[in-house]
Amino acid sequence: MPFHPMGGMFMLAKQQRDTAMKWIDLPPVWLFVFAVMVWAQATYFPMGLYFGDGWPDFIGGLMVGAGLVLMGLAFYEFRRARTTVVPHMEASALITSGIFKRTRNPIYLGDALVLAGLCLRWDAVLSLALVPVFVWVIEKRFIIPEEDRLRRKFRADFARYCEKTRRWV
């Protein structure tokens, strides 16, 4: 590779960009982006479609609440295990207790419930199609890489956990 007097600066800039992207490329950021799309569709492109009166607000509120409860229960387990909740970092413990006995991804399930609940609350009928897209993005960007790291680190323990506990529900 040829020498370039500014090469070190370019490498530093790339490292800083990669570090910034790791902190921008987080599930809450993706949830926020999708929620903004849901809101924009409901506000600017309702297309005359709506779910009806009363029940969508109630069910949507329940879904948002359930999603937040799932996230809270998962954060509690992460704190108890003293391991990271950040998807790009390596876990120091395999959590299989509490809400993790029921689902391997309670935070992501909570995110999906929040997004679906917002679709109902905001009468964003067309945006319901974004929920499976969101789940696909989260699975490809976070769940599969996380599970690969856990599989390498915890080997047989993680394999047994996967046999007993489903990825989603």
N, C-alpha and C. Protein backbone atom coordinates (compact mmCIF):
# COMPACT_ATOMS: atom_id res chain seq x y z
N MET A 1 0.84 -1.16 0.00
CA MET A 1 0.00 0.00 0.00
C MET A 1 0.90 1.24 0.00
N PRO A 2 0.64 2.20 -0.90
CA PRO A 2 1.50 3.38 -0.98
C PRO A 2 1.35 4.27 0.25
N PHE A 3 2.44 4.98 0.57
CA PHE A 3 2.46 5.89 1.71
C PHE A 3 1.65 7.14 1.38
N HIS A 4 0.87 7.59 2.32
CA HIS A 4 0.14 8.86 2.17
C HIS A 4 0.36 9.66 3.44
N PRO A 5 0.84 10.93 3.30
CA PRO A 5 1.15 11.72 4.50
C PRO A 5 -0.06 11.92 5.43
N MET A 6 -1.26 11.88 4.88
CA MET A 6 -2.45 12.09 5.69
C MET A 6 -3.09 10.76 6.09
N GLY A 7 -2.44 9.65 5.78
CA GLY A 7 -3.02 8.33 6.03
C GLY A 7 -3.45 8.12 7.46
N GLY A 8 -2.63 8.56 8.40
CA GLY A 8 -2.96 8.41 9.81
C GLY A 8 -4.24 9.15 10.17
N MET A 9 -4.42 10.33 9.60
CA MET A 9 -5.63 11.11 9.89
C MET A 9 -6.86 10.41 9.34
N PHE A 10 -6.72 9.84 8.14
CA PHE A 10 -7.87 9.13 7.55
C PHE A 10 -8.23 7.91 8.37
N MET A 11 -7.23 7.20 8.87
CA MET A 11 -7.49 6.02 9.70
C MET A 11 -8.17 6.42 11.00
N LEU A 12 -7.70 7.52 11.61
CA LEU A 12 -8.31 8.00 12.85
C LEU A 12 -9.77 8.39 12.60
N ALA A 13 -10.02 9.08 11.50
CA ALA A 13 -11.39 9.49 11.17
C ALA A 13 -12.27 8.26 10.97
N LYS A 14 -11.76 7.22 10.31
CA LYS A 14 -12.53 5.99 10.10
C LYS A 14 -12.83 5.32 11.43
N GLN A 15 -11.83 5.26 12.34
CA GLN A 15 -12.05 4.66 13.65
C GLN A 15 -13.11 5.44 14.43
N GLN A 16 -13.04 6.77 14.37
CA GLN A 16 -14.03 7.59 15.07
C GLN A 16 -15.42 7.38 14.48
N ARG A 17 -15.50 7.29 13.15
CA ARG A 17 -16.79 7.05 12.50
C ARG A 17 -17.34 5.69 12.89
N ASP A 18 -16.48 4.67 12.91
CA ASP A 18 -16.92 3.32 13.30
C ASP A 18 -17.41 3.30 14.74
N THR A 19 -16.70 4.00 15.63
CA THR A 19 -17.12 4.07 17.03
C THR A 19 -18.45 4.79 17.15
N ALA A 20 -18.60 5.89 16.44
CA ALA A 20 -19.86 6.64 16.47
C ALA A 20 -21.00 5.78 15.93
N MET A 21 -20.75 5.03 14.86
CA MET A 21 -21.80 4.18 14.27
C MET A 21 -22.23 3.09 15.26
N LYS A 22 -21.29 2.56 16.05
CA LYS A 22 -21.68 1.54 17.03
C LYS A 22 -22.64 2.12 18.05
N TRP A 23 -22.50 3.39 18.39
CA TRP A 23 -23.37 4.01 19.37
C TRP A 23 -24.65 4.54 18.75
N ILE A 24 -24.64 4.78 17.46
CA ILE A 24 -25.86 5.20 16.77
C ILE A 24 -26.66 3.97 16.37
N ASP A 25 -25.97 2.91 16.00
CA ASP A 25 -26.62 1.67 15.55
C ASP A 25 -27.01 0.83 16.76
N LEU A 26 -28.04 1.32 17.48
CA LEU A 26 -28.55 0.63 18.66
C LEU A 26 -30.05 0.44 18.50
N PRO A 27 -30.61 -0.61 19.10
CA PRO A 27 -32.04 -0.86 18.96
C PRO A 27 -32.95 0.31 19.33
N PRO A 28 -32.67 1.08 20.41
CA PRO A 28 -33.56 2.21 20.69
C PRO A 28 -33.57 3.26 19.57
N VAL A 29 -32.45 3.42 18.89
CA VAL A 29 -32.39 4.36 17.76
C VAL A 29 -33.26 3.84 16.62
N TRP A 30 -33.18 2.54 16.34
CA TRP A 30 -34.01 1.94 15.30
C TRP A 30 -35.49 2.05 15.67
N LEU A 31 -35.82 1.81 16.94
CA LEU A 31 -37.21 1.94 17.38
C LEU A 31 -37.69 3.37 17.19
N PHE A 32 -36.86 4.33 17.55
CA PHE A 32 -37.22 5.74 17.38
C PHE A 32 -37.48 6.07 15.91
N VAL A 33 -36.60 5.62 15.03
CA VAL A 33 -36.75 5.88 13.59
C VAL A 33 -38.07 5.28 13.07
N PHE A 34 -38.34 4.03 13.45
CA PHE A 34 -39.59 3.40 13.02
C PHE A 34 -40.80 4.10 13.63
N ALA A 35 -40.70 4.53 14.89
CA ALA A 35 -41.81 5.25 15.52
C ALA A 35 -42.07 6.57 14.81
N VAL A 36 -41.03 7.25 14.39
CA VAL A 36 -41.20 8.49 13.62
C VAL A 36 -41.89 8.21 12.29
N MET A 37 -41.54 7.10 11.65
CA MET A 37 -42.21 6.74 10.40
C MET A 37 -43.69 6.45 10.64
N VAL A 38 -44.01 5.77 11.74
CA VAL A 38 -45.40 5.48 12.09
C VAL A 38 -46.16 6.79 12.32
N TRP A 39 -45.56 7.66 13.10
CA TRP A 39 -46.19 8.96 13.39
C TRP A 39 -46.40 9.76 12.10
N ALA A 40 -45.38 9.80 11.25
CA ALA A 40 -45.49 10.55 9.99
C ALA A 40 -46.60 9.99 9.11
N GLN A 41 -46.70 8.67 9.03
CA GLN A 41 -47.77 8.08 8.23
C GLN A 41 -49.13 8.45 8.79
N ALA A 42 -49.28 8.38 10.11
CA ALA A 42 -50.56 8.70 10.74
C ALA A 42 -50.90 10.18 10.59
N THR A 43 -49.89 11.04 10.64
CA THR A 43 -50.12 12.48 10.60
C THR A 43 -50.29 13.01 9.18
N TYR A 44 -49.44 12.58 8.27
CA TYR A 44 -49.42 13.17 6.94
C TYR A 44 -50.05 12.31 5.85
N PHE A 45 -50.14 11.01 6.07
CA PHE A 45 -50.68 10.10 5.05
C PHE A 45 -51.70 9.12 5.63
N PRO A 46 -52.74 9.61 6.29
CA PRO A 46 -53.69 8.67 6.91
C PRO A 46 -54.52 7.90 5.89
N MET A 47 -54.65 8.40 4.68
CA MET A 47 -55.38 7.74 3.58
C MET A 47 -56.84 7.44 3.95
N GLY A 48 -57.37 8.15 4.94
CA GLY A 48 -58.76 7.94 5.33
C GLY A 48 -59.00 6.65 6.08
N LEU A 49 -57.93 5.97 6.45
CA LEU A 49 -58.05 4.69 7.17
C LEU A 49 -57.91 4.92 8.67
N TYR A 50 -58.71 4.21 9.44
CA TYR A 50 -58.56 4.25 10.89
C TYR A 50 -59.12 2.97 11.48
N PHE A 51 -58.70 2.66 12.69
CA PHE A 51 -59.09 1.41 13.33
C PHE A 51 -60.47 1.47 13.96
N GLY A 52 -60.93 2.62 14.30
CA GLY A 52 -62.21 2.75 14.99
C GLY A 52 -62.04 3.61 16.22
N ASP A 53 -63.08 3.67 17.03
CA ASP A 53 -63.05 4.52 18.21
C ASP A 53 -62.88 3.69 19.48
N GLY A 54 -62.07 4.19 20.37
CA GLY A 54 -61.95 3.60 21.70
C GLY A 54 -60.99 2.43 21.83
N TRP A 55 -61.36 1.30 21.26
CA TRP A 55 -60.57 0.08 21.50
C TRP A 55 -59.13 0.17 21.01
N PRO A 56 -58.82 0.83 19.85
CA PRO A 56 -57.41 0.86 19.43
C PRO A 56 -56.53 1.62 20.42
N ASP A 57 -57.07 2.70 21.00
CA ASP A 57 -56.29 3.44 21.99
C ASP A 57 -56.00 2.57 23.21
N PHE A 58 -57.01 1.85 23.66
CA PHE A 58 -56.87 1.00 24.84
C PHE A 58 -55.88 -0.14 24.58
N ILE A 59 -56.10 -0.87 23.49
CA ILE A 59 -55.22 -2.01 23.16
C ILE A 59 -53.80 -1.51 22.88
N GLY A 60 -53.69 -0.41 22.14
CA GLY A 60 -52.37 0.17 21.85
C GLY A 60 -51.65 0.56 23.12
N GLY A 61 -52.38 1.17 24.05
CA GLY A 61 -51.78 1.54 25.33
C GLY A 61 -51.32 0.31 26.11
N LEU A 62 -52.14 -0.74 26.09
CA LEU A 62 -51.73 -1.99 26.76
C LEU A 62 -50.46 -2.57 26.14
N MET A 63 -50.39 -2.52 24.81
CA MET A 63 -49.22 -3.07 24.13
C MET A 63 -47.96 -2.26 24.46
N VAL A 64 -48.07 -0.94 24.43
CA VAL A 64 -46.93 -0.09 24.79
C VAL A 64 -46.52 -0.38 26.24
N GLY A 65 -47.50 -0.45 27.13
CA GLY A 65 -47.21 -0.74 28.53
C GLY A 65 -46.55 -2.09 28.72
N ALA A 66 -47.08 -3.11 28.04
CA ALA A 66 -46.51 -4.46 28.14
C ALA A 66 -45.07 -4.47 27.61
N GLY A 67 -44.84 -3.76 26.52
CA GLY A 67 -43.49 -3.68 25.98
C GLY A 67 -42.52 -3.03 26.96
N LEU A 68 -42.96 -1.97 27.61
CA LEU A 68 -42.10 -1.29 28.59
C LEU A 68 -41.85 -2.17 29.81
N VAL A 69 -42.86 -2.92 30.22
CA VAL A 69 -42.68 -3.85 31.35
C VAL A 69 -41.65 -4.93 30.98
N LEU A 70 -41.78 -5.51 29.78
CA LEU A 70 -40.80 -6.51 29.34
C LEU A 70 -39.38 -5.95 29.37
N MET A 71 -39.23 -4.73 28.85
CA MET A 71 -37.90 -4.11 28.85
C MET A 71 -37.39 -3.91 30.27
N GLY A 72 -38.26 -3.43 31.15
CA GLY A 72 -37.86 -3.21 32.54
C GLY A 72 -37.43 -4.50 33.22
N LEU A 73 -38.19 -5.57 33.02
CA LEU A 73 -37.83 -6.87 33.60
C LEU A 73 -36.48 -7.35 33.07
N ALA A 74 -36.24 -7.15 31.78
CA ALA A 74 -34.97 -7.57 31.19
C ALA A 74 -33.81 -6.73 31.73
N PHE A 75 -34.00 -5.41 31.83
CA PHE A 75 -32.94 -4.55 32.37
C PHE A 75 -32.60 -4.96 33.81
N TYR A 76 -33.62 -5.32 34.57
CA TYR A 76 -33.39 -5.78 35.94
C TYR A 76 -32.49 -7.02 35.94
N GLU A 77 -32.76 -7.97 35.05
CA GLU A 77 -31.94 -9.19 34.99
C GLU A 77 -30.51 -8.88 34.54
N PHE A 78 -30.35 -7.95 33.59
CA PHE A 78 -29.01 -7.56 33.16
C PHE A 78 -28.23 -6.96 34.34
N ARG A 79 -28.91 -6.12 35.10
CA ARG A 79 -28.26 -5.48 36.24
C ARG A 79 -27.89 -6.52 37.31
N ARG A 80 -28.81 -7.44 37.57
CA ARG A 80 -28.53 -8.50 38.55
C ARG A 80 -27.33 -9.32 38.15
N ALA A 81 -27.20 -9.62 36.86
CA ALA A 81 -26.10 -10.45 36.35
C ALA A 81 -24.81 -9.64 36.14
N ARG A 82 -24.93 -8.33 36.29
CA ARG A 82 -23.77 -7.42 36.09
C ARG A 82 -23.12 -7.63 34.72
N THR A 83 -23.97 -7.66 33.72
CA THR A 83 -23.47 -7.78 32.35
C THR A 83 -24.04 -6.64 31.51
N THR A 84 -23.49 -6.46 30.35
CA THR A 84 -23.88 -5.32 29.52
C THR A 84 -25.20 -5.56 28.81
N VAL A 85 -25.92 -4.47 28.62
CA VAL A 85 -27.16 -4.50 27.86
C VAL A 85 -26.90 -4.01 26.43
N VAL A 86 -25.70 -3.50 26.17
CA VAL A 86 -25.34 -2.95 24.86
C VAL A 86 -25.08 -4.10 23.90
N PRO A 87 -25.83 -4.15 22.78
CA PRO A 87 -25.75 -5.30 21.87
C PRO A 87 -24.38 -5.54 21.23
N HIS A 88 -23.60 -4.48 21.01
CA HIS A 88 -22.31 -4.65 20.32
C HIS A 88 -21.18 -5.08 21.25
N MET A 89 -21.46 -5.13 22.54
CA MET A 89 -20.43 -5.49 23.50
C MET A 89 -20.59 -6.96 23.91
N GLU A 90 -19.50 -7.54 24.37
CA GLU A 90 -19.53 -8.95 24.76
C GLU A 90 -20.11 -9.11 26.16
N ALA A 91 -21.03 -10.02 26.30
CA ALA A 91 -21.67 -10.29 27.59
C ALA A 91 -20.70 -11.02 28.51
N SER A 92 -20.76 -10.69 29.80
CA SER A 92 -19.92 -11.38 30.77
C SER A 92 -20.67 -12.53 31.43
N ALA A 93 -21.99 -12.59 31.19
CA ALA A 93 -22.80 -13.67 31.78
C ALA A 93 -23.92 -14.03 30.82
N LEU A 94 -24.33 -15.28 30.89
CA LEU A 94 -25.49 -15.75 30.13
C LEU A 94 -26.70 -15.69 31.06
N ILE A 95 -27.66 -14.85 30.71
CA ILE A 95 -28.84 -14.68 31.57
C ILE A 95 -29.93 -15.64 31.12
N THR A 96 -30.35 -16.49 32.03
CA THR A 96 -31.40 -17.46 31.73
C THR A 96 -32.51 -17.41 32.78
N SER A 97 -32.46 -16.43 33.65
CA SER A 97 -33.43 -16.33 34.74
C SER A 97 -34.47 -15.25 34.45
N GLY A 98 -35.48 -15.20 35.30
CA GLY A 98 -36.50 -14.16 35.17
C GLY A 98 -37.22 -14.24 33.84
N ILE A 99 -37.40 -13.10 33.21
CA ILE A 99 -38.12 -13.03 31.93
C ILE A 99 -37.38 -13.80 30.83
N PHE A 100 -36.08 -14.00 31.00
CA PHE A 100 -35.30 -14.74 30.00
C PHE A 100 -35.61 -16.23 30.00
N LYS A 101 -36.39 -16.71 30.97
CA LYS A 101 -36.87 -18.09 30.92
C LYS A 101 -37.96 -18.25 29.87
N ARG A 102 -38.67 -17.16 29.57
CA ARG A 102 -39.80 -17.18 28.64
C ARG A 102 -39.42 -16.81 27.21
N THR A 103 -38.46 -15.91 27.06
CA THR A 103 -38.03 -15.45 25.74
C THR A 103 -36.56 -15.07 25.80
N ARG A 104 -35.83 -15.37 24.74
CA ARG A 104 -34.41 -15.02 24.72
C ARG A 104 -34.21 -13.53 24.43
N ASN A 105 -35.24 -12.86 23.94
CA ASN A 105 -35.10 -11.46 23.54
C ASN A 105 -36.23 -10.58 24.06
N PRO A 106 -36.37 -10.46 25.37
CA PRO A 106 -37.50 -9.69 25.90
C PRO A 106 -37.45 -8.21 25.54
N ILE A 107 -36.27 -7.64 25.42
CA ILE A 107 -36.18 -6.22 25.08
C ILE A 107 -36.65 -6.01 23.64
N TYR A 108 -36.22 -6.85 22.73
CA TYR A 108 -36.63 -6.71 21.33
C TYR A 108 -38.12 -7.01 21.16
N LEU A 109 -38.61 -7.98 21.91
CA LEU A 109 -40.05 -8.26 21.90
C LEU A 109 -40.81 -7.04 22.43
N GLY A 110 -40.27 -6.44 23.48
CA GLY A 110 -40.86 -5.21 24.02
C GLY A 110 -40.86 -4.09 23.00
N ASP A 111 -39.75 -3.95 22.28
CA ASP A 111 -39.67 -2.93 21.22
C ASP A 111 -40.76 -3.13 20.18
N ALA A 112 -40.94 -4.38 19.75
CA ALA A 112 -41.95 -4.69 18.74
C ALA A 112 -43.36 -4.41 19.27
N LEU A 113 -43.61 -4.72 20.53
CA LEU A 113 -44.91 -4.42 21.13
C LEU A 113 -45.15 -2.91 21.21
N VAL A 114 -44.12 -2.16 21.57
CA VAL A 114 -44.25 -0.70 21.63
C VAL A 114 -44.59 -0.16 20.25
N LEU A 115 -43.87 -0.63 19.23
CA LEU A 115 -44.12 -0.13 17.87
C LEU A 115 -45.53 -0.48 17.40
N ALA A 116 -45.96 -1.71 17.62
CA ALA A 116 -47.31 -2.11 17.23
C ALA A 116 -48.36 -1.32 18.02
N GLY A 117 -48.10 -1.10 19.30
CA GLY A 117 -49.01 -0.31 20.12
C GLY A 117 -49.13 1.12 19.64
N LEU A 118 -48.02 1.70 19.21
CA LEU A 118 -48.06 3.06 18.67
C LEU A 118 -48.86 3.11 17.37
N CYS A 119 -48.74 2.08 16.55
CA CYS A 119 -49.55 2.01 15.32
C CYS A 119 -51.03 2.08 15.67
N LEU A 120 -51.45 1.36 16.69
CA LEU A 120 -52.86 1.37 17.10
C LEU A 120 -53.24 2.72 17.72
N ARG A 121 -52.41 3.21 18.64
CA ARG A 121 -52.72 4.47 19.33
C ARG A 121 -52.84 5.63 18.35
N TRP A 122 -51.99 5.64 17.34
CA TRP A 122 -51.96 6.77 16.39
C TRP A 122 -52.80 6.52 15.15
N ASP A 123 -53.56 5.43 15.13
CA ASP A 123 -54.38 5.09 13.96
C ASP A 123 -53.55 5.01 12.68
N ALA A 124 -52.37 4.45 12.78
CA ALA A 124 -51.46 4.33 11.64
C ALA A 124 -51.66 2.95 11.00
N VAL A 125 -52.78 2.80 10.33
CA VAL A 125 -53.16 1.50 9.76
C VAL A 125 -52.09 0.97 8.81
N LEU A 126 -51.65 1.79 7.89
CA LEU A 126 -50.65 1.33 6.91
C LEU A 126 -49.31 0.99 7.55
N SER A 127 -49.02 1.62 8.67
CA SER A 127 -47.74 1.41 9.34
C SER A 127 -47.64 0.06 10.05
N LEU A 128 -48.75 -0.64 10.20
CA LEU A 128 -48.65 -1.98 10.80
C LEU A 128 -47.70 -2.86 10.00
N ALA A 129 -47.58 -2.58 8.70
CA ALA A 129 -46.65 -3.34 7.86
C ALA A 129 -45.19 -3.10 8.26
N LEU A 130 -44.93 -2.01 8.99
CA LEU A 130 -43.56 -1.73 9.43
C LEU A 130 -43.13 -2.63 10.59
N VAL A 131 -44.08 -3.18 11.33
CA VAL A 131 -43.71 -4.00 12.50
C VAL A 131 -42.89 -5.22 12.08
N PRO A 132 -43.33 -6.03 11.10
CA PRO A 132 -42.47 -7.16 10.70
C PRO A 132 -41.15 -6.70 10.07
N VAL A 133 -41.15 -5.55 9.43
CA VAL A 133 -39.89 -5.02 8.87
C VAL A 133 -38.95 -4.67 10.03
N PHE A 134 -39.48 -4.04 11.06
CA PHE A 134 -38.68 -3.71 12.25
C PHE A 134 -38.11 -4.99 12.88
N VAL A 135 -38.95 -6.00 13.03
CA VAL A 135 -38.49 -7.27 13.61
C VAL A 135 -37.38 -7.87 12.76
N TRP A 136 -37.53 -7.82 11.45
CA TRP A 136 -36.50 -8.36 10.55
C TRP A 136 -35.19 -7.59 10.73
N VAL A 137 -35.26 -6.26 10.77
CA VAL A 137 -34.05 -5.44 10.94
C VAL A 137 -33.36 -5.79 12.26
N ILE A 138 -34.14 -5.84 13.33
CA ILE A 138 -33.57 -6.14 14.65
C ILE A 138 -32.94 -7.53 14.66
N GLU A 139 -33.60 -8.49 14.05
CA GLU A 139 -33.06 -9.84 14.03
C GLU A 139 -31.73 -9.90 13.26
N LYS A 140 -31.69 -9.27 12.09
CA LYS A 140 -30.47 -9.32 11.27
C LYS A 140 -29.33 -8.49 11.86
N ARG A 141 -29.65 -7.30 12.39
CA ARG A 141 -28.61 -6.39 12.86
C ARG A 141 -28.12 -6.72 14.27
N PHE A 142 -29.00 -7.30 15.10
CA PHE A 142 -28.64 -7.47 16.50
C PHE A 142 -28.76 -8.90 17.02
N ILE A 143 -29.90 -9.53 16.83
CA ILE A 143 -30.13 -10.83 17.46
C ILE A 143 -29.16 -11.90 16.94
N ILE A 144 -29.04 -12.02 15.64
CA ILE A 144 -28.16 -13.07 15.09
C ILE A 144 -26.70 -12.84 15.50
N PRO A 145 -26.16 -11.60 15.36
CA PRO A 145 -24.79 -11.40 15.84
C PRO A 145 -24.62 -11.63 17.35
N GLU A 146 -25.62 -11.21 18.15
CA GLU A 146 -25.54 -11.45 19.60
C GLU A 146 -25.52 -12.94 19.90
N GLU A 147 -26.40 -13.68 19.24
CA GLU A 147 -26.46 -15.12 19.49
C GLU A 147 -25.17 -15.80 19.05
N ASP A 148 -24.56 -15.32 17.97
CA ASP A 148 -23.28 -15.88 17.55
C ASP A 148 -22.21 -15.66 18.62
N ARG A 149 -22.16 -14.46 19.19
CA ARG A 149 -21.18 -14.17 20.25
C ARG A 149 -21.45 -15.05 21.48
N LEU A 150 -22.73 -15.16 21.86
CA LEU A 150 -23.08 -15.99 23.02
C LEU A 150 -22.76 -17.46 22.77
N ARG A 151 -23.00 -17.93 21.56
CA ARG A 151 -22.72 -19.32 21.20
C ARG A 151 -21.22 -19.61 21.31
N ARG A 152 -20.40 -18.67 20.85
CA ARG A 152 -18.94 -18.86 20.93
C ARG A 152 -18.45 -18.83 22.37
N LYS A 153 -19.03 -17.95 23.18
CA LYS A 153 -18.54 -17.78 24.54
C LYS A 153 -19.08 -18.83 25.51
N PHE A 154 -20.36 -19.15 25.41
CA PHE A 154 -20.99 -20.02 26.40
C PHE A 154 -21.30 -21.42 25.89
N ARG A 155 -20.95 -21.72 24.68
CA ARG A 155 -21.06 -23.01 24.01
C ARG A 155 -22.23 -23.89 24.45
N ALA A 156 -21.98 -24.90 25.25
CA ALA A 156 -23.01 -25.88 25.63
C ALA A 156 -24.13 -25.24 26.45
N ASP A 157 -23.79 -24.30 27.32
CA ASP A 157 -24.81 -23.62 28.13
C ASP A 157 -25.79 -22.87 27.23
N PHE A 158 -25.25 -22.19 26.23
CA PHE A 158 -26.11 -21.45 25.32
C PHE A 158 -26.95 -22.40 24.47
N ALA A 159 -26.37 -23.50 24.04
CA ALA A 159 -27.11 -24.50 23.25
C ALA A 159 -28.28 -25.06 24.05
N ARG A 160 -28.05 -25.38 25.33
CA ARG A 160 -29.14 -25.87 26.19
C ARG A 160 -30.20 -24.79 26.38
N TYR A 161 -29.78 -23.56 26.55
CA TYR A 161 -30.71 -22.45 26.73
C TYR A 161 -31.58 -22.29 25.47
N CYS A 162 -30.98 -22.39 24.30
CA CYS A 162 -31.73 -22.27 23.04
C CYS A 162 -32.74 -23.40 22.87
N GLU A 163 -32.40 -24.58 23.35
CA GLU A 163 -33.34 -25.71 23.28
C GLU A 163 -34.57 -25.49 24.16
N LYS A 164 -34.35 -24.84 25.31
CA LYS A 164 -35.44 -24.65 26.28
C LYS A 164 -36.25 -23.38 26.02
N THR A 165 -35.62 -22.35 25.45
CA THR A 165 -36.25 -21.04 25.36
C THR A 165 -36.27 -20.56 23.93
N ARG A 166 -37.44 -20.13 23.48
CA ARG A 166 -37.59 -19.66 22.11
C ARG A 166 -37.00 -18.26 21.93
N ARG A 167 -36.68 -17.93 20.69
CA ARG A 167 -36.09 -16.63 20.38
C ARG A 167 -37.05 -15.49 20.69
N TRP A 168 -38.31 -15.65 20.31
CA TRP A 168 -39.27 -14.57 20.49
C TRP A 168 -40.28 -14.89 21.57
N VAL A 169 -41.21 -15.80 21.32
CA VAL A 169 -42.25 -16.09 22.32
C VAL A 169 -42.46 -17.59 22.41
